[in-house]
Structure formats: structure tokens, C-alpha cells
Amino acid sequence: MVKAKYQSVLDLGQKLNIQNGDVKEENGKLQVWGTAATQYDKNQLWDEIKRIGGDNPSDIMADIKVADASVYARHTVASGESLSKIAKHYYKDPMKYNAIFEANRNILKNPDLIHPGQELVIPNL
């Protein structure tokens, strides 16, 4: 029953390719664990858990670790994107584009010139 309630969390975990993951339902409580690639992926899972169960859900216990805590996320540039658009997506603030630029100076020479297919590091703030 509780597993069905949180099915979208489990589906998101598969989409995000959570490693070493498992799910167990015991005494009306769902237990999930695994390792997300980045903090951003972990946050997505927690946002979905809270969307379904509220800020302090009592029917789920999640232990999600992060494989690479040195970055917030990794992003592949798509056509039409800018650093400010990417910053708005990850940080909810387009003005934080410079943090992304600084973290990627090894491949970016100008914050206004990014190209589809480039792999960017989205730094922890």
C-alpha cells in the first residue's frame, strides 16, 4: 500500500540511475536506500518524497547517499541554453551563472559562449 503511494519516487530513482538501491516495506513503512550521483539528484528524490508525504513524512525512511559530493550536479548543454538559464534551473537564480562559469574555466573562455554537448560542472554553493 505505502509502496504504491511512493511509486513516483521509485520511478524517479530508476530514472536517475540510483546505485545500490533497494526498497523494503515493513510494518506500513517504506524503507528506501541507495546512492545518487550528485547532491542535485538526491534533492530531486527528497523533493518528490515531500511532494507526496509532506515535509515530515512518517511512512517512509530514506537513506540516500551521494557518490560525488565535490559537485552539485553535472549538466550537458542543450541547444538554446545559456549559463543564466542553467543557473536558474539548478539554483533558482539566473544571476549565479558566474559560479558555473568559474567552475568550468577549463572549457569555457567566455560566459556568453557555450555549445550544445558541453559537459558542465554545476558547483556547490
Protein backbone atom coordinates (compact mmCIF):
# COMPACT_ATOMS: atom_id res chain seq x y z
CA MET A 1 0.00 0.00 0.00
CA VAL A 2 2.65 2.56 1.04
CA LYS A 3 4.88 1.40 -1.83
CA ALA A 4 2.17 2.33 -4.31
CA LYS A 5 1.85 5.75 -2.67
CA TYR A 6 5.54 6.46 -3.30
CA GLN A 7 5.78 4.78 -6.71
CA SER A 8 6.75 8.06 -8.37
CA VAL A 9 9.77 8.28 -6.02
CA LEU A 10 10.81 4.76 -7.02
CA ASP A 11 10.33 5.61 -10.70
CA LEU A 12 12.44 8.76 -10.29
CA GLY A 13 15.15 6.69 -8.58
CA GLN A 14 15.29 4.44 -11.62
CA LYS A 15 15.35 7.42 -14.00
CA LEU A 16 18.23 8.96 -12.01
CA ASN A 17 20.06 5.63 -12.04
CA ILE A 18 20.38 5.38 -8.26
CA GLN A 19 23.12 2.87 -7.48
CA ASN A 20 22.99 0.13 -4.83
CA GLY A 21 19.34 0.94 -4.30
CA ASP A 22 16.77 -1.19 -2.61
CA VAL A 23 13.24 -0.88 -1.27
CA LYS A 24 11.58 -2.69 1.59
CA GLU A 25 8.11 -2.32 3.06
CA GLU A 26 7.84 -3.23 6.72
CA ASN A 27 5.07 -2.51 9.24
CA GLY A 28 3.40 0.03 6.96
CA LYS A 29 6.63 1.96 6.46
CA LEU A 30 8.63 2.13 3.25
CA GLN A 31 12.40 1.93 3.55
CA VAL A 32 14.48 3.04 0.58
CA TRP A 33 18.20 3.48 0.21
CA GLY A 34 20.80 3.96 -2.45
CA THR A 35 23.45 6.28 -3.82
CA ALA A 36 22.67 9.26 -6.04
CA ALA A 37 25.30 10.51 -8.46
CA THR A 38 25.13 14.13 -7.17
CA GLN A 39 23.51 16.25 -4.49
CA TYR A 40 21.09 17.62 -7.09
CA ASP A 41 19.81 14.09 -7.80
CA LYS A 42 19.43 13.44 -4.08
CA ASN A 43 17.50 16.69 -3.70
CA GLN A 44 15.16 15.69 -6.54
CA LEU A 45 14.33 12.47 -4.71
CA TRP A 46 13.68 14.30 -1.44
CA ASP A 47 11.53 16.89 -3.22
CA GLU A 48 9.38 14.08 -4.62
CA ILE A 49 9.15 12.37 -1.22
CA LYS A 50 8.00 15.66 0.35
CA ARG A 51 5.57 16.32 -2.50
CA ILE A 52 3.81 13.05 -1.71
CA GLY A 53 4.26 12.72 2.05
CA GLY A 54 4.65 16.31 3.26
CA ASP A 55 7.64 17.91 4.96
CA ASN A 56 7.99 15.21 7.62
CA PRO A 57 6.51 12.00 6.25
CA SER A 58 6.23 9.24 8.85
CA ASP A 59 5.55 6.38 6.43
CA ILE A 60 8.89 6.44 4.59
CA MET A 61 12.52 6.24 5.66
CA ALA A 62 15.07 7.16 3.00
CA ASP A 63 18.83 6.82 3.29
CA ILE A 64 20.25 8.37 0.13
CA LYS A 65 23.99 8.88 -0.12
CA VAL A 66 25.85 10.96 -2.73
CA ALA A 67 28.59 9.40 -4.88
CA ASP A 68 30.25 12.70 -5.87
CA ALA A 69 29.87 15.41 -3.23
CA SER A 70 32.52 17.59 -4.90
CA VAL A 71 29.91 18.99 -7.33
CA TYR A 72 26.24 19.89 -7.03
CA ALA A 73 25.41 18.45 -10.47
CA ARG A 74 26.74 17.78 -13.94
CA HIS A 75 24.90 19.24 -16.91
CA THR A 76 25.06 18.62 -20.65
CA VAL A 77 24.35 21.84 -22.52
CA ALA A 78 21.32 21.67 -24.81
CA SER A 79 20.62 23.88 -27.80
CA GLY A 80 19.31 27.30 -26.81
CA GLU A 81 20.66 27.23 -23.26
CA SER A 82 22.69 29.94 -21.58
CA LEU A 83 24.60 29.90 -18.31
CA SER A 84 21.91 32.08 -16.72
CA LYS A 85 19.18 29.67 -17.81
CA ILE A 86 21.18 26.76 -16.39
CA ALA A 87 21.80 28.70 -13.14
CA LYS A 88 18.08 29.40 -12.84
CA HIS A 89 17.34 25.67 -13.25
CA TYR A 90 19.78 24.47 -10.59
CA TYR A 91 19.95 27.42 -8.19
CA LYS A 92 16.61 29.17 -8.87
CA ASP A 93 18.69 32.30 -9.54
CA PRO A 94 19.91 33.21 -13.05
CA MET A 95 22.43 35.68 -11.62
CA LYS A 96 24.50 32.80 -10.24
CA TYR A 97 25.66 31.98 -13.78
CA ASN A 98 29.15 33.25 -12.91
CA ALA A 99 29.65 30.43 -10.37
CA ILE A 100 29.07 27.93 -13.19
CA PHE A 101 31.40 29.88 -15.50
CA GLU A 102 34.19 29.96 -12.88
CA ALA A 103 33.85 26.23 -12.20
CA ASN A 104 34.22 25.49 -15.91
CA ARG A 105 37.02 27.86 -16.94
CA ASN A 106 38.95 24.82 -18.16
CA ILE A 107 36.48 24.51 -21.07
CA LEU A 108 34.80 27.95 -21.17
CA LYS A 109 36.61 31.13 -22.16
CA ASN A 110 33.56 33.42 -22.22
CA PRO A 111 30.33 33.10 -20.18
CA ASP A 112 28.33 34.04 -23.28
CA LEU A 113 29.74 31.22 -25.41
CA ILE A 114 28.60 27.73 -24.55
CA HIS A 115 27.84 24.98 -27.02
CA PRO A 116 25.41 22.04 -27.11
CA GLY A 117 27.03 18.87 -25.89
CA GLN A 118 29.46 20.51 -23.48
CA GLU A 119 29.57 18.82 -20.07
CA LEU A 120 29.47 21.45 -17.33
CA VAL A 121 30.15 21.09 -13.64
CA ILE A 122 27.48 22.77 -11.53
CA PRO A 123 29.38 23.69 -8.35
CA ASN A 124 28.18 23.51 -4.76
CA LEU A 125 27.40 26.99 -3.49
